[in-house]
PDB file of all heavy atoms in Angstrom:
ATOM      1  N   ILE A   1       6.343   1.400  -5.207  1.00  0.00           N
ATOM      2  CA  ILE A   1       5.117   2.038  -5.695  1.00  0.00           C
ATOM      3  C   ILE A   1       4.020   1.979  -4.635  1.00  0.00           C
ATOM      4  O   ILE A   1       3.352   2.973  -4.349  1.00  0.00           O
ATOM      5  CB  ILE A   1       4.648   1.364  -6.994  1.00  0.00           C
ATOM      6  CG1 ILE A   1       5.648   1.610  -8.122  1.00  0.00           C
ATOM      7  CG2 ILE A   1       3.253   1.861  -7.392  1.00  0.00           C
ATOM      8  CD1 ILE A   1       5.351   0.840  -9.390  1.00  0.00           C
ATOM      9  N   ALA A   2       3.852   0.802  -4.032  1.00  0.00           N
ATOM     10  CA  ALA A   2       2.813   0.647  -3.019  1.00  0.00           C
ATOM     11  C   ALA A   2       3.086   1.519  -1.800  1.00  0.00           C
ATOM     12  O   ALA A   2       2.170   2.148  -1.254  1.00  0.00           O
ATOM     13  CB  ALA A   2       2.722  -0.831  -2.600  1.00  0.00           C
ATOM     14  N   PHE A   3       4.353   1.587  -1.395  1.00  0.00           N
ATOM     15  CA  PHE A   3       4.684   2.375  -0.202  1.00  0.00           C
ATOM     16  C   PHE A   3       4.457   3.862  -0.435  1.00  0.00           C
ATOM     17  O   PHE A   3       3.867   4.553   0.404  1.00  0.00           O
ATOM     18  CB  PHE A   3       6.138   2.126   0.194  1.00  0.00           C
ATOM     19  CG  PHE A   3       6.580   2.931   1.381  1.00  0.00           C
ATOM     20  CD1 PHE A   3       6.187   2.561   2.662  1.00  0.00           C
ATOM     21  CD2 PHE A   3       7.368   4.056   1.217  1.00  0.00           C
ATOM     22  CE1 PHE A   3       6.583   3.310   3.769  1.00  0.00           C
ATOM     23  CE2 PHE A   3       7.772   4.811   2.309  1.00  0.00           C
ATOM     24  CZ  PHE A   3       7.372   4.433   3.591  1.00  0.00           C
ATOM     25  N   VAL A   4       4.901   4.373  -1.576  1.00  0.00           N
ATOM     26  CA  VAL A   4       4.736   5.799  -1.865  1.00  0.00           C
ATOM     27  C   VAL A   4       3.259   6.170  -1.913  1.00  0.00           C
ATOM     28  O   VAL A   4       2.827   7.158  -1.303  1.00  0.00           O
ATOM     29  CB  VAL A   4       5.436   6.159  -3.182  1.00  0.00           C
ATOM     30  CG1 VAL A   4       5.063   7.576  -3.622  1.00  0.00           C
ATOM     31  CG2 VAL A   4       6.946   6.041  -3.035  1.00  0.00           C
ATOM     32  N   PHE A   5       2.459   5.367  -2.608  1.00  0.00           N
ATOM     33  CA  PHE A   5       1.035   5.677  -2.713  1.00  0.00           C
ATOM     34  C   PHE A   5       0.304   5.435  -1.397  1.00  0.00           C
ATOM     35  O   PHE A   5      -0.736   6.053  -1.149  1.00  0.00           O
ATOM     36  CB  PHE A   5       0.394   4.859  -3.826  1.00  0.00           C
ATOM     37  CG  PHE A   5       0.613   5.427  -5.201  1.00  0.00           C
ATOM     38  CD1 PHE A   5       1.594   4.909  -6.026  1.00  0.00           C
ATOM     39  CD2 PHE A   5      -0.138   6.490  -5.659  1.00  0.00           C
ATOM     40  CE1 PHE A   5       1.820   5.434  -7.287  1.00  0.00           C
ATOM     41  CE2 PHE A   5       0.064   7.029  -6.919  1.00  0.00           C
ATOM     42  CZ  PHE A   5       1.057   6.499  -7.737  1.00  0.00           C
ATOM     43  N   SER A   6       0.824   4.534  -0.557  1.00  0.00           N
ATOM     44  CA  SER A   6       0.158   4.272   0.719  1.00  0.00           C
ATOM     45  C   SER A   6       0.251   5.451   1.669  1.00  0.00           C
ATOM     46  O   SER A   6      -0.516   5.545   2.628  1.00  0.00           O
ATOM     47  CB  SER A   6       0.768   3.035   1.388  1.00  0.00           C
ATOM     48  OG  SER A   6       2.095   3.286   1.823  1.00  0.00           O
ATOM     49  N   LEU A   7       1.192   6.361   1.425  1.00  0.00           N
ATOM     50  CA  LEU A   7       1.306   7.541   2.278  1.00  0.00           C
ATOM     51  C   LEU A   7       0.062   8.406   2.190  1.00  0.00           C
ATOM     52  O   LEU A   7      -0.227   9.187   3.096  1.00  0.00           O
ATOM     53  CB  LEU A   7       2.548   8.358   1.883  1.00  0.00           C
ATOM     54  CG  LEU A   7       3.889   7.627   2.042  1.00  0.00           C
ATOM     55  CD1 LEU A   7       5.036   8.519   1.592  1.00  0.00           C
ATOM     56  CD2 LEU A   7       4.080   7.172   3.481  1.00  0.00           C
ATOM     57  N   GLY A   8      -0.669   8.235   1.081  1.00  0.00           N
ATOM     58  CA  GLY A   8      -1.946   8.935   0.939  1.00  0.00           C
ATOM     59  C   GLY A   8      -3.118   8.030   1.230  1.00  0.00           C
ATOM     60  O   GLY A   8      -4.252   8.368   0.951  1.00  0.00           O
ATOM     61  N   TYR A   9      -2.834   6.838   1.761  1.00  0.00           N
ATOM     62  CA  TYR A   9      -3.772   5.781   2.150  1.00  0.00           C
ATOM     63  C   TYR A   9      -4.439   5.119   0.966  1.00  0.00           C
ATOM     64  O   TYR A   9      -4.404   3.921   0.815  1.00  0.00           O
ATOM     65  CB  TYR A   9      -4.845   6.295   3.118  1.00  0.00           C
ATOM     66  CG  TYR A   9      -5.761   5.176   3.582  1.00  0.00           C
ATOM     67  CD1 TYR A   9      -5.295   4.189   4.425  1.00  0.00           C
ATOM     68  CD2 TYR A   9      -7.082   5.090   3.129  1.00  0.00           C
ATOM     69  CE1 TYR A   9      -6.117   3.142   4.822  1.00  0.00           C
ATOM     70  CE2 TYR A   9      -7.905   4.050   3.516  1.00  0.00           C
ATOM     71  CZ  TYR A   9      -7.417   3.078   4.377  1.00  0.00           C
ATOM     72  OH  TYR A   9      -8.219   2.055   4.756  1.00  0.00           O
ATOM     73  N   SER A  10      -5.079   5.834   0.078  1.00  0.00           N
ATOM     74  CA  SER A  10      -5.739   5.201  -1.058  1.00  0.00           C
ATOM     75  C   SER A  10      -5.772   6.176  -2.225  1.00  0.00           C
ATOM     76  O   SER A  10      -5.760   7.377  -2.059  1.00  0.00           O
ATOM     77  CB  SER A  10      -7.173   4.771  -0.717  1.00  0.00           C
ATOM     78  OG  SER A  10      -7.979   5.891  -0.456  1.00  0.00           O
ATOM     79  N   ALA A  11      -5.806   5.587  -3.418  1.00  0.00           N
ATOM     80  CA  ALA A  11      -5.902   6.416  -4.619  1.00  0.00           C
ATOM     81  C   ALA A  11      -6.661   5.634  -5.672  1.00  0.00           C
ATOM     82  O   ALA A  11      -6.339   4.502  -5.966  1.00  0.00           O
ATOM     83  CB  ALA A  11      -4.505   6.777  -5.124  1.00  0.00           C
ATOM     84  N   GLY A  12      -7.694   6.267  -6.216  1.00  0.00           N
ATOM     85  CA  GLY A  12      -8.476   5.597  -7.246  1.00  0.00           C
ATOM     86  C   GLY A  12      -9.172   4.344  -6.762  1.00  0.00           C
ATOM     87  O   GLY A  12      -9.412   3.424  -7.541  1.00  0.00           O
ATOM     88  N   GLY A  13      -9.513   4.292  -5.481  1.00  0.00           N
ATOM     89  CA  GLY A  13     -10.189   3.119  -4.951  1.00  0.00           C
ATOM     90  C   GLY A  13      -9.274   1.938  -4.676  1.00  0.00           C
ATOM     91  O   GLY A  13      -9.759   0.850  -4.382  1.00  0.00           O
ATOM     92  N   VAL A  14      -7.959   2.116  -4.762  1.00  0.00           N
ATOM     93  CA  VAL A  14      -7.000   1.039  -4.525  1.00  0.00           C
ATOM     94  C   VAL A  14      -6.378   1.225  -3.149  1.00  0.00           C
ATOM     95  O   VAL A  14      -5.886   2.312  -2.821  1.00  0.00           O
ATOM     96  CB  VAL A  14      -5.890   1.039  -5.600  1.00  0.00           C
ATOM     97  CG1 VAL A  14      -4.871  -0.049  -5.317  1.00  0.00           C
ATOM     98  CG2 VAL A  14      -6.510   0.848  -6.978  1.00  0.00           C
ATOM     99  N   SER A  15      -6.377   0.178  -2.344  1.00  0.00           N
ATOM    100  CA  SER A  15      -5.773   0.241  -1.014  1.00  0.00           C
ATOM    101  C   SER A  15      -4.293  -0.115  -1.124  1.00  0.00           C
ATOM    102  O   SER A  15      -3.908  -1.284  -1.012  1.00  0.00           O
ATOM    103  CB  SER A  15      -6.484  -0.711  -0.050  1.00  0.00           C
ATOM    104  OG  SER A  15      -5.867  -0.668   1.219  1.00  0.00           O
ATOM    105  N   HIS A  16      -3.462   0.878  -1.321  1.00  0.00           N
ATOM    106  CA  HIS A  16      -2.021   0.643  -1.397  1.00  0.00           C
ATOM    107  C   HIS A  16      -1.450   0.248  -0.045  1.00  0.00           C
ATOM    108  O   HIS A  16      -0.387  -0.368   0.026  1.00  0.00           O
ATOM    109  CB  HIS A  16      -1.327   1.887  -1.931  1.00  0.00           C
ATOM    110  CG  HIS A  16      -1.731   2.246  -3.325  1.00  0.00           C
ATOM    111  ND1 HIS A  16      -1.268   1.568  -4.433  1.00  0.00           N
ATOM    112  CD2 HIS A  16      -2.574   3.205  -3.799  1.00  0.00           C
ATOM    113  CE1 HIS A  16      -1.789   2.098  -5.527  1.00  0.00           C
ATOM    114  NE2 HIS A  16      -2.586   3.081  -5.173  1.00  0.00           N
ATOM    115  N   VAL A  17      -2.146   0.601   1.029  1.00  0.00           N
ATOM    116  CA  VAL A  17      -1.727   0.148   2.357  1.00  0.00           C
ATOM    117  C   VAL A  17      -1.751  -1.373   2.421  1.00  0.00           C
ATOM    118  O   VAL A  17      -0.855  -2.001   3.002  1.00  0.00           O
ATOM    119  CB  VAL A  17      -2.635   0.751   3.444  1.00  0.00           C
ATOM    120  CG1 VAL A  17      -2.343   0.130   4.812  1.00  0.00           C
ATOM    121  CG2 VAL A  17      -2.451   2.258   3.515  1.00  0.00           C
ATOM    122  N   ALA A  18      -2.767  -1.983   1.825  1.00  0.00           N
ATOM    123  CA  ALA A  18      -2.841  -3.446   1.801  1.00  0.00           C
ATOM    124  C   ALA A  18      -1.676  -4.042   1.025  1.00  0.00           C
ATOM    125  O   ALA A  18      -1.087  -5.043   1.439  1.00  0.00           O
ATOM    126  CB  ALA A  18      -4.171  -3.891   1.185  1.00  0.00           C
ATOM    127  N   HIS A  19      -1.331  -3.436  -0.098  1.00  0.00           N
ATOM    128  CA  HIS A  19      -0.225  -3.944  -0.913  1.00  0.00           C
ATOM    129  C   HIS A  19       1.093  -3.865  -0.159  1.00  0.00           C
ATOM    130  O   HIS A  19       1.826  -4.856  -0.051  1.00  0.00           O
ATOM    131  CB  HIS A  19      -0.129  -3.139  -2.209  1.00  0.00           C
ATOM    132  CG  HIS A  19      -1.354  -3.209  -3.048  1.00  0.00           C
ATOM    133  ND1 HIS A  19      -1.550  -2.391  -4.157  1.00  0.00           N
ATOM    134  CD2 HIS A  19      -2.455  -3.999  -2.970  1.00  0.00           C
ATOM    135  CE1 HIS A  19      -2.722  -2.677  -4.710  1.00  0.00           C
ATOM    136  NE2 HIS A  19      -3.288  -3.642  -4.008  1.00  0.00           N
ATOM    137  N   ALA A  20       1.408  -2.679   0.370  1.00  0.00           N
ATOM    138  CA  ALA A  20       2.662  -2.504   1.096  1.00  0.00           C
ATOM    139  C   ALA A  20       2.673  -3.344   2.368  1.00  0.00           C
ATOM    140  O   ALA A  20       3.701  -3.939   2.728  1.00  0.00           O
ATOM    141  CB  ALA A  20       2.870  -1.028   1.435  1.00  0.00           C
ATOM    142  N   GLY A  21       1.525  -3.412   3.051  1.00  0.00           N
ATOM    143  CA  GLY A  21       1.451  -4.201   4.274  1.00  0.00           C
ATOM    144  C   GLY A  21       1.653  -5.683   4.030  1.00  0.00           C
ATOM    145  O   GLY A  21       2.355  -6.358   4.785  1.00  0.00           O
ATOM    146  N   GLY A  22       1.046  -6.210   2.960  1.00  0.00           N
ATOM    147  CA  GLY A  22       1.221  -7.620   2.640  1.00  0.00           C
ATOM    148  C   GLY A  22       2.665  -7.965   2.342  1.00  0.00           C
ATOM    149  O   GLY A  22       3.169  -9.013   2.750  1.00  0.00           O
ATOM    150  N   MET A  23       3.367  -7.072   1.631  1.00  0.00           N
ATOM    151  CA  MET A  23       4.768  -7.317   1.306  1.00  0.00           C
ATOM    152  C   MET A  23       5.648  -7.208   2.549  1.00  0.00           C
ATOM    153  O   MET A  23       6.578  -8.006   2.742  1.00  0.00           O
ATOM    154  CB  MET A  23       5.240  -6.343   0.227  1.00  0.00           C
ATOM    155  CG  MET A  23       4.492  -6.475  -1.095  1.00  0.00           C
ATOM    156  SD  MET A  23       5.167  -5.443  -2.424  1.00  0.00           S
ATOM    157  CE  MET A  23       6.458  -6.524  -3.050  1.00  0.00           C
ATOM    158  N   ALA A  24       5.385  -6.217   3.396  1.00  0.00           N
ATOM    159  CA  ALA A  24       6.192  -6.040   4.603  1.00  0.00           C
ATOM    160  C   ALA A  24       6.033  -7.223   5.548  1.00  0.00           C
ATOM    161  O   ALA A  24       7.011  -7.754   6.083  1.00  0.00           O
ATOM    162  CB  ALA A  24       5.800  -4.738   5.309  1.00  0.00           C
ATOM    163  N   VAL A  25       4.791  -7.651   5.749  1.00  0.00           N
ATOM    164  CA  VAL A  25       4.544  -8.796   6.629  1.00  0.00           C
ATOM    165  C   VAL A  25       5.154 -10.070   6.033  1.00  0.00           C
ATOM    166  O   VAL A  25       5.724 -10.894   6.745  1.00  0.00           O
ATOM    167  CB  VAL A  25       3.027  -8.972   6.866  1.00  0.00           C
ATOM    168  CG1 VAL A  25       2.738 -10.285   7.585  1.00  0.00           C
ATOM    169  CG2 VAL A  25       2.489  -7.801   7.671  1.00  0.00           C
ATOM    170  N   GLY A  26       5.050 -10.228   4.712  1.00  0.00           N
ATOM    171  CA  GLY A  26       5.660 -11.384   4.066  1.00  0.00           C
ATOM    172  C   GLY A  26       7.161 -11.421   4.257  1.00  0.00           C
ATOM    173  O   GLY A  26       7.742 -12.485   4.508  1.00  0.00           O
ATOM    174  N   TYR A  27       7.817 -10.265   4.167  1.00  0.00           N
ATOM    175  CA  TYR A  27       9.264 -10.218   4.360  1.00  0.00           C
ATOM    176  C   TYR A  27       9.633 -10.594   5.784  1.00  0.00           C
ATOM    177  O   TYR A  27      10.569 -11.374   6.018  1.00  0.00           O
ATOM    178  CB  TYR A  27       9.780  -8.820   4.030  1.00  0.00           C
ATOM    179  CG  TYR A  27      11.273  -8.687   4.182  1.00  0.00           C
ATOM    180  CD1 TYR A  27      12.136  -9.147   3.187  1.00  0.00           C
ATOM    181  CD2 TYR A  27      11.826  -8.110   5.316  1.00  0.00           C
ATOM    182  CE1 TYR A  27      13.501  -9.033   3.319  1.00  0.00           C
ATOM    183  CE2 TYR A  27      13.194  -7.997   5.462  1.00  0.00           C
ATOM    184  CZ  TYR A  27      14.031  -8.460   4.461  1.00  0.00           C
ATOM    185  OH  TYR A  27      15.390  -8.350   4.621  1.00  0.00           O
TER     186      TYR A  27
END
């Protein structure tokens, strides 16, 4: 979900890039 929405950078004031980035770096 975070990765798909991050392709548009942000939606509804939510930074999905931060969500996907945090998970990717954690992995």
